Amino acid sequence: MSTEIQNRILTTFKQTLNLAGQGSRQEALLGCDFILRLDPLFEPARTLYNRLQAAEGPVDTDDLQDALEAPSDQPAPQAEAPPASPTQTTAEVPSPPPPQPRPDSQATADDLFPQDKEATGVAVSTDELRAQMTQLLEQREFQEIKKLAKEHRTEVAKEADLQAIVATVSQRLEAQPYLRSFIDSAIKAQGEGNLEEARKLLEKGKNLDPTHPEVLQLEQQLAAAGTGDTPAPEAAAPPAAPTAPEAAPPEAAATEPPAAAPPAPPAAPEAPATPEPPAAEAEATEQAPSVDLAGDEGILGQPSASLDAESEARVSELLEEGQAAFDRSEYQTAIDAWSRIFLIEIDHPEANRRIEMARKLKEELERKV
């Protein structure tokens, strides 16, 4: 990990600790999320995140601040421990240059994990680790992946794709409460017959966790239902056909000219094919839920039109992060980054647009492969 990223992690973590101590829970959670995406094995951020999840107000962070400053002083004592093996000469123990000097004094994943490094005698090949983690991800065994990542953190730190798997796991776990809200709301809308709104809610849930079993099941149900809410208005239109029999009076008009005049006015409104306006009205009513949805504050409690400066900055970071991955043709990584915007702003048009574009390119790439 580069020095620049390490410094960024430390700076962000200090700011996040201050926010947590002040009781700014949502902002602190976003800070932890940002740090864990840069370094999924940064344990202090994970600890703080768990505390914030269980707390309502300010969180005690004194011990985490100590841990944050420890790495600069800790490498020396840790380096002195190995020389303890030559017990015959105590003068060699406090020797300044350690047997394995660190390249710099910046905090790394090894500094922040006080436990011993994994035993070199039980080495696991990167390919084996990758295969295990990929299979566990497909099986949604998220806790097992976290356990593997801790046991083999050195290998994970060297491989970007393994870090991406760990980051995906963190994202899926963090998104569970929000995903639950989207799924429940979609099921409710489906039960009320509002399939259009159900699809929109499902799409937002799918952006957070596309492989969730309930998401896949609900997607199949809505696909089977087809355009279930549009037939209702169109079904009402056929009854208008009885106006055709009313056209019969014109025949009577041939025999009874005075009686032909009254039926003519009803026939005139029917001639312009009035069944189409109800369809247009139905479309207008179908669009209404989307307007309500865009301004919905019930899930996150955050109005989309009035984000605070901290949230706006986070949204901008996620847009840039996703764009960087998109430019590298890492479309799934880009989709993951942009999808996290929905945790801050429930309806973000630009994020929707970019996600859709990335999905199309990803599908094209997969078809070529």
Protein backbone atom coordinates (compact mmCIF):
# COMPACT_ATOMS: atom_id res chain seq x y z
CA MET A 1 0.00 0.00 0.00
CA SER A 2 1.40 3.37 -1.00
CA THR A 3 2.38 6.01 1.55
CA GLU A 4 -0.20 8.37 0.12
CA ILE A 5 -3.04 5.93 0.76
CA GLN A 6 -1.74 5.15 4.24
CA ASN A 7 -1.69 8.84 5.10
CA ARG A 8 -5.17 9.25 3.71
CA ILE A 9 -6.44 6.38 5.86
CA LEU A 10 -4.90 7.84 9.02
CA THR A 11 -6.21 11.34 8.31
CA THR A 12 -9.70 10.11 7.54
CA PHE A 13 -9.74 7.88 10.61
CA LYS A 14 -8.82 10.79 12.89
CA GLN A 15 -11.68 12.82 11.45
CA THR A 16 -14.02 9.87 11.80
CA LEU A 17 -13.06 9.41 15.46
CA ASN A 18 -13.93 13.06 16.11
CA LEU A 19 -17.31 12.66 14.38
CA ALA A 20 -18.06 9.51 16.40
CA GLY A 21 -17.13 11.27 19.64
CA GLN A 22 -19.48 14.14 18.76
CA GLY A 23 -22.37 11.79 18.09
CA SER A 24 -22.42 12.30 14.30
CA ARG A 25 -23.23 8.64 13.76
CA GLN A 26 -24.14 8.65 10.06
CA GLU A 27 -21.10 10.70 9.06
CA ALA A 28 -18.82 8.48 11.14
CA LEU A 29 -20.26 5.36 9.51
CA LEU A 30 -19.52 6.84 6.11
CA GLY A 31 -15.97 7.56 7.23
CA CYS A 32 -15.48 3.96 8.36
CA ASP A 33 -16.91 2.74 5.08
CA PHE A 34 -14.49 4.90 3.11
CA ILE A 35 -11.50 3.63 5.12
CA LEU A 36 -12.49 -0.02 4.81
CA ARG A 37 -12.77 0.31 1.06
CA LEU A 38 -9.20 1.58 0.96
CA ASP A 39 -7.99 -1.07 3.41
CA PRO A 40 -10.54 -3.79 4.28
CA LEU A 41 -8.18 -5.08 7.00
CA PHE A 42 -7.93 -1.83 8.95
CA GLU A 43 -9.21 -3.26 12.24
CA PRO A 44 -9.68 0.02 14.20
CA ALA A 45 -12.17 1.22 11.58
CA ARG A 46 -13.99 -2.11 11.78
CA THR A 47 -14.15 -1.84 15.57
CA LEU A 48 -15.46 1.72 15.40
CA TYR A 49 -18.03 0.71 12.80
CA ASN A 50 -19.39 -2.05 15.08
CA ARG A 51 -19.62 0.37 18.00
CA LEU A 52 -21.48 2.91 15.89
CA GLN A 53 -23.95 0.26 14.76
CA ALA A 54 -24.78 -0.56 18.38
CA ALA A 55 -24.88 3.03 19.66
CA GLU A 56 -27.30 5.92 19.31
CA GLY A 57 -25.21 8.86 20.49
CA PRO A 58 -21.53 9.69 21.04
CA VAL A 59 -19.11 6.75 21.08
CA ASP A 60 -16.06 6.31 23.29
CA THR A 61 -13.00 6.40 21.03
CA ASP A 62 -10.13 6.90 23.48
CA ASP A 63 -8.75 3.39 23.03
CA LEU A 64 -8.94 3.69 19.25
CA GLN A 65 -7.01 6.96 19.29
CA ASP A 66 -4.29 5.22 21.29
CA ALA A 67 -4.21 2.42 18.72
CA LEU A 68 -3.95 4.98 15.94
CA GLU A 69 -0.82 6.53 17.43
CA ALA A 70 0.66 3.21 18.45
CA PRO A 71 2.02 2.17 15.05
CA SER A 72 4.62 4.94 14.99
CA ASP A 73 6.07 3.75 18.30
CA GLN A 74 5.16 0.09 18.07
CA PRO A 75 7.44 -1.17 15.30
CA ALA A 76 10.52 -0.76 17.47
CA PRO A 77 9.26 -2.95 20.37
CA GLN A 78 7.92 -5.52 17.90
CA ALA A 79 11.25 -5.59 16.12
CA GLU A 80 13.10 -6.11 19.41
CA ALA A 81 11.07 -9.20 20.23
CA PRO A 82 12.73 -11.52 17.68
CA PRO A 83 16.30 -10.87 18.93
CA ALA A 84 15.19 -12.23 22.31
CA SER A 85 16.08 -15.69 20.99
CA PRO A 86 19.86 -15.24 21.55
CA THR A 87 19.64 -15.31 25.36
CA GLN A 88 23.38 -15.52 25.85
CA THR A 89 23.99 -11.79 25.18
CA THR A 90 21.58 -9.25 26.61
CA ALA A 91 23.55 -6.37 25.04
CA GLU A 92 22.39 -7.42 21.57
CA VAL A 93 18.69 -7.19 22.44
CA PRO A 94 18.35 -3.39 22.47
CA SER A 95 20.38 -2.96 19.27
CA PRO A 96 18.87 -0.10 17.22
CA PRO A 97 18.76 -1.76 13.78
CA PRO A 98 16.20 -4.60 13.98
CA PRO A 99 16.76 -7.78 11.97
CA GLN A 100 13.77 -6.92 9.73
CA PRO A 101 13.64 -3.12 9.48
CA ARG A 102 10.46 -1.55 8.19
CA PRO A 103 10.76 0.58 5.03
CA ASP A 104 9.00 3.46 6.72
CA SER A 105 7.15 4.38 9.88
CA GLN A 106 3.72 4.70 8.27
CA ALA A 107 0.85 2.59 9.59
CA THR A 108 0.10 -0.59 7.66
CA ALA A 109 -2.24 -3.51 8.12
CA ASP A 110 0.51 -5.43 9.96
CA ASP A 111 1.05 -2.53 12.39
CA LEU A 112 -2.62 -2.41 13.22
CA PHE A 113 -2.92 -6.15 13.86
CA PRO A 114 -0.89 -6.89 17.02
CA GLN A 115 -1.23 -10.66 16.62
CA ASP A 116 1.58 -12.65 15.04
CA LYS A 117 1.86 -12.88 11.29
CA GLU A 118 0.62 -16.06 9.67
CA ALA A 119 3.03 -18.97 9.95
CA THR A 120 5.16 -19.36 6.87
CA GLY A 121 5.13 -23.12 7.32
CA VAL A 122 1.37 -23.22 6.58
CA ALA A 123 1.57 -21.26 3.36
CA VAL A 124 -1.50 -21.17 1.16
CA SER A 125 -1.05 -20.39 -2.49
CA THR A 126 -2.70 -17.26 -3.78
CA ASP A 127 -4.62 -19.29 -6.35
CA GLU A 128 -6.04 -21.57 -3.66
CA LEU A 129 -7.01 -18.61 -1.52
CA ARG A 130 -8.62 -16.89 -4.49
CA ALA A 131 -10.60 -20.01 -5.38
CA GLN A 132 -11.77 -20.45 -1.79
CA MET A 133 -12.86 -16.84 -1.40
CA THR A 134 -14.59 -16.78 -4.79
CA GLN A 135 -16.53 -19.94 -3.97
CA LEU A 136 -17.51 -18.59 -0.55
CA LEU A 137 -18.67 -15.35 -2.14
CA GLU A 138 -20.90 -17.29 -4.54
CA GLN A 139 -22.28 -19.20 -1.54
CA ARG A 140 -22.69 -15.90 0.37
CA GLU A 141 -20.57 -17.17 3.27
CA PHE A 142 -19.49 -13.67 4.20
CA GLN A 143 -18.23 -14.41 7.71
CA GLU A 144 -16.03 -17.22 6.39
CA ILE A 145 -14.48 -14.81 3.90
CA LYS A 146 -13.72 -12.32 6.67
CA LYS A 147 -12.13 -15.12 8.69
CA LEU A 148 -9.96 -16.18 5.75
CA ALA A 149 -8.94 -12.59 5.08
CA LYS A 150 -7.72 -12.19 8.66
CA GLU A 151 -5.86 -15.48 8.63
CA HIS A 152 -4.12 -14.65 5.34
CA ARG A 153 -4.05 -10.87 5.49
CA THR A 154 -0.53 -10.69 4.02
CA GLU A 155 -1.64 -12.46 0.83
CA VAL A 156 -4.82 -10.39 0.66
CA ALA A 157 -2.82 -7.18 0.97
CA LYS A 158 -0.74 -8.17 -2.06
CA GLU A 159 -3.64 -9.06 -4.38
CA ALA A 160 -6.08 -6.40 -5.58
CA ASP A 161 -8.73 -8.94 -6.58
CA LEU A 162 -8.72 -10.50 -3.09
CA GLN A 163 -9.06 -7.05 -1.56
CA ALA A 164 -12.00 -6.44 -3.91
CA ILE A 165 -13.71 -9.60 -2.63
CA VAL A 166 -13.25 -8.49 0.99
CA ALA A 167 -14.55 -5.02 0.10
CA THR A 168 -17.60 -6.56 -1.58
CA VAL A 169 -18.31 -8.59 1.54
CA SER A 170 -18.07 -5.48 3.71
CA GLN A 171 -20.40 -3.64 1.36
CA ARG A 172 -22.98 -6.44 1.31
CA LEU A 173 -22.99 -6.73 5.10
CA GLU A 174 -23.27 -2.99 5.59
CA ALA A 175 -26.08 -2.69 3.05
CA GLN A 176 -28.29 -5.33 4.70
CA PRO A 177 -30.50 -2.90 6.70
CA TYR A 178 -31.08 -0.71 3.65
CA LEU A 179 -31.61 -3.71 1.40
CA ARG A 180 -34.20 -5.07 3.83
CA SER A 181 -36.13 -1.81 3.59
CA PHE A 182 -36.10 -1.88 -0.21
CA ILE A 183 -37.22 -5.53 -0.35
CA ASP A 184 -40.03 -5.05 2.19
CA SER A 185 -41.27 -1.93 0.40
CA ALA A 186 -41.15 -3.71 -2.96
CA ILE A 187 -43.12 -6.69 -1.59
CA LYS A 188 -45.70 -4.31 -0.14
CA ALA A 189 -46.05 -2.45 -3.45
CA GLN A 190 -46.38 -5.78 -5.26
CA GLY A 191 -49.14 -6.85 -2.87
CA GLU A 192 -50.99 -3.60 -3.53
CA GLY A 193 -50.75 -4.21 -7.27
CA ASN A 194 -48.35 -1.35 -7.90
CA LEU A 195 -45.83 -3.34 -9.92
CA GLU A 196 -44.11 -0.30 -11.37
CA GLU A 197 -43.12 1.00 -7.94
CA ALA A 198 -42.18 -2.52 -6.85
CA ARG A 199 -39.77 -2.76 -9.79
CA LYS A 200 -38.17 0.58 -8.98
CA LEU A 201 -37.63 -0.39 -5.35
CA LEU A 202 -36.30 -3.79 -6.38
CA GLU A 203 -33.84 -2.14 -8.77
CA LYS A 204 -32.39 -0.08 -5.91
CA GLY A 205 -32.07 -3.20 -3.79
CA LYS A 206 -30.44 -5.04 -6.67
CA ASN A 207 -27.83 -2.30 -6.95
CA LEU A 208 -26.83 -2.98 -3.33
CA ASP A 209 -26.78 -6.79 -3.50
CA PRO A 210 -27.60 -8.35 -6.89
CA THR A 211 -27.19 -11.95 -5.65
CA HIS A 212 -29.44 -11.75 -2.59
CA PRO A 213 -31.90 -14.70 -2.72
CA GLU A 214 -34.95 -12.55 -1.97
CA VAL A 215 -33.92 -10.05 -4.64
CA LEU A 216 -33.64 -12.83 -7.23
CA GLN A 217 -36.95 -14.38 -6.16
CA LEU A 218 -38.82 -11.08 -6.27
CA GLU A 219 -37.26 -10.28 -9.64
CA GLN A 220 -38.63 -13.56 -11.04
CA GLN A 221 -42.08 -12.86 -9.61
CA LEU A 222 -42.23 -9.38 -11.11
CA ALA A 223 -40.95 -10.67 -14.45
CA ALA A 224 -43.67 -13.33 -14.47
CA ALA A 225 -46.27 -10.70 -13.65
CA GLY A 226 -45.21 -8.74 -16.73
CA THR A 227 -46.94 -5.38 -16.99
CA GLY A 228 -49.53 -6.36 -14.45
CA ASP A 229 -50.62 -2.88 -13.56
CA THR A 230 -51.22 -1.60 -17.11
CA PRO A 231 -53.89 -4.17 -18.11
CA ALA A 232 -56.30 -2.68 -15.58
CA PRO A 233 -56.85 0.59 -17.46
CA GLU A 234 -56.83 -1.19 -20.83
CA ALA A 235 -59.33 -3.78 -19.59
CA ALA A 236 -61.70 -0.95 -18.75
CA ALA A 237 -61.41 0.32 -22.32
CA PRO A 238 -63.14 -2.68 -24.04
CA PRO A 239 -66.44 -1.93 -22.28
CA ALA A 240 -66.38 1.29 -24.29
CA ALA A 241 -66.94 -0.97 -27.32
CA PRO A 242 -70.66 -1.11 -26.58
CA THR A 243 -70.70 2.25 -28.29
CA ALA A 244 -70.54 0.25 -31.52
CA PRO A 245 -74.08 -0.98 -30.97
CA GLU A 246 -75.06 2.64 -30.49
CA ALA A 247 -73.85 3.17 -34.01
CA ALA A 248 -76.86 1.05 -35.02
CA PRO A 249 -79.27 3.92 -34.44
CA PRO A 250 -77.83 5.60 -37.55
CA GLU A 251 -79.50 2.76 -39.48
CA ALA A 252 -82.67 3.65 -37.75
CA ALA A 253 -81.91 7.14 -38.89
CA ALA A 254 -82.47 5.96 -42.41
CA THR A 255 -86.05 5.13 -41.55
CA GLU A 256 -86.58 7.64 -38.80
CA PRO A 257 -84.63 10.85 -39.52
CA PRO A 258 -85.81 12.61 -36.33
CA ALA A 259 -84.58 9.74 -34.10
CA ALA A 260 -81.18 9.58 -35.84
CA ALA A 261 -80.11 12.96 -34.54
CA PRO A 262 -79.93 12.04 -30.80
CA PRO A 263 -77.62 9.01 -31.24
CA ALA A 264 -75.22 11.07 -33.31
CA PRO A 265 -73.76 13.07 -30.38
CA PRO A 266 -72.78 9.93 -28.37
CA ALA A 267 -71.15 8.49 -31.48
CA ALA A 268 -69.02 11.59 -31.96
CA PRO A 269 -67.10 11.20 -28.66
CA GLU A 270 -66.48 7.55 -29.45
CA ALA A 271 -65.10 8.24 -32.91
CA PRO A 272 -61.88 9.89 -31.63
CA ALA A 273 -61.00 6.54 -30.01
CA THR A 274 -61.37 7.67 -26.42
CA PRO A 275 -59.81 4.44 -25.04
CA GLU A 276 -56.38 6.02 -25.65
CA PRO A 277 -56.80 8.97 -23.24
CA PRO A 278 -57.49 6.59 -20.31
CA ALA A 279 -54.22 4.84 -21.19
CA ALA A 280 -52.42 8.18 -21.08
CA GLU A 281 -54.06 8.93 -17.76
CA ALA A 282 -53.02 5.52 -16.52
CA GLU A 283 -49.43 6.30 -17.50
CA ALA A 284 -49.64 9.57 -15.62
CA THR A 285 -50.87 7.78 -12.51
CA GLU A 286 -48.13 5.21 -12.87
CA GLN A 287 -45.55 7.97 -12.95
CA ALA A 288 -46.86 9.50 -9.75
CA PRO A 289 -45.25 6.88 -7.45
CA SER A 290 -41.86 7.59 -9.02
CA VAL A 291 -42.19 11.25 -8.02
CA ASP A 292 -43.06 10.27 -4.48
CA LEU A 293 -40.21 7.80 -4.46
CA ALA A 294 -37.65 10.40 -5.50
CA GLY A 295 -38.53 12.49 -2.48
CA ASP A 296 -38.95 9.57 -0.09
CA GLU A 297 -37.32 10.12 3.26
CA GLY A 298 -38.73 7.10 5.00
CA ILE A 299 -35.86 4.71 4.40
CA LEU A 300 -32.79 6.77 5.13
CA GLY A 301 -34.35 9.88 6.68
CA GLN A 302 -32.25 12.05 4.40
CA PRO A 303 -34.02 14.37 1.91
CA SER A 304 -32.43 13.92 -1.49
CA ALA A 305 -32.68 17.63 -2.27
CA SER A 306 -30.87 18.87 0.81
CA LEU A 307 -27.73 16.85 1.48
CA ASP A 308 -25.29 18.32 3.95
CA ALA A 309 -21.78 19.20 2.89
CA GLU A 310 -20.33 15.98 4.33
CA SER A 311 -22.77 13.79 2.39
CA GLU A 312 -22.28 15.76 -0.82
CA ALA A 313 -18.52 15.29 -0.49
CA ARG A 314 -18.99 11.54 0.04
CA VAL A 315 -21.25 11.31 -3.03
CA SER A 316 -18.61 13.11 -5.10
CA GLU A 317 -15.93 10.71 -3.85
CA LEU A 318 -18.04 7.69 -4.79
CA LEU A 319 -18.71 9.15 -8.24
CA GLU A 320 -14.98 9.67 -8.78
CA GLU A 321 -14.11 6.26 -7.37
CA GLY A 322 -16.60 4.56 -9.66
CA GLN A 323 -15.44 6.57 -12.66
CA ALA A 324 -11.82 5.58 -12.03
CA ALA A 325 -12.83 1.90 -12.00
CA PHE A 326 -14.99 2.44 -15.09
CA ASP A 327 -12.05 3.97 -16.97
CA ARG A 328 -10.05 0.83 -16.12
CA SER A 329 -12.89 -1.28 -17.57
CA GLU A 330 -13.59 -2.64 -14.07
CA TYR A 331 -17.32 -2.30 -14.54
CA GLN A 332 -18.49 -4.31 -11.52
CA THR A 333 -16.24 -2.30 -9.21
CA ALA A 334 -17.67 0.88 -10.72
CA ILE A 335 -21.22 -0.39 -10.19
CA ASP A 336 -20.43 -1.23 -6.56
CA ALA A 337 -19.03 2.25 -5.91
CA TRP A 338 -21.92 4.08 -7.56
CA SER A 339 -24.49 1.85 -5.86
CA ARG A 340 -23.25 2.98 -2.46
CA ILE A 341 -24.54 6.46 -3.29
CA PHE A 342 -28.04 5.11 -2.67
CA LEU A 343 -27.09 4.65 1.00
CA ILE A 344 -26.73 8.44 1.15
CA GLU A 345 -29.30 9.64 -1.39
CA ILE A 346 -32.14 7.27 -2.14
CA ASP A 347 -32.66 8.50 -5.70
CA HIS A 348 -29.60 9.83 -7.51
CA PRO A 349 -30.22 10.17 -11.29
CA GLU A 350 -26.55 10.44 -12.23
CA ALA A 351 -25.68 7.28 -10.27
CA ASN A 352 -28.57 5.46 -11.94
CA ARG A 353 -27.38 6.58 -15.37
CA ARG A 354 -23.79 5.51 -14.80
CA ILE A 355 -24.77 2.16 -13.30
CA GLU A 356 -26.98 1.38 -16.29
CA MET A 357 -24.18 2.27 -18.70
CA ALA A 358 -21.65 0.14 -16.79
CA ARG A 359 -24.05 -2.81 -16.73
CA LYS A 360 -24.51 -2.72 -20.49
CA LEU A 361 -20.77 -2.62 -21.11
CA LYS A 362 -20.22 -5.41 -18.56
CA GLU A 363 -22.81 -7.59 -20.30
CA GLU A 364 -21.21 -6.93 -23.68
CA LEU A 365 -17.80 -7.84 -22.29
CA GLU A 366 -19.13 -11.06 -20.75
CA ARG A 367 -20.79 -12.04 -24.03
CA LYS A 368 -17.49 -11.62 -25.87
CA VAL A 369 -15.71 -13.78 -23.31
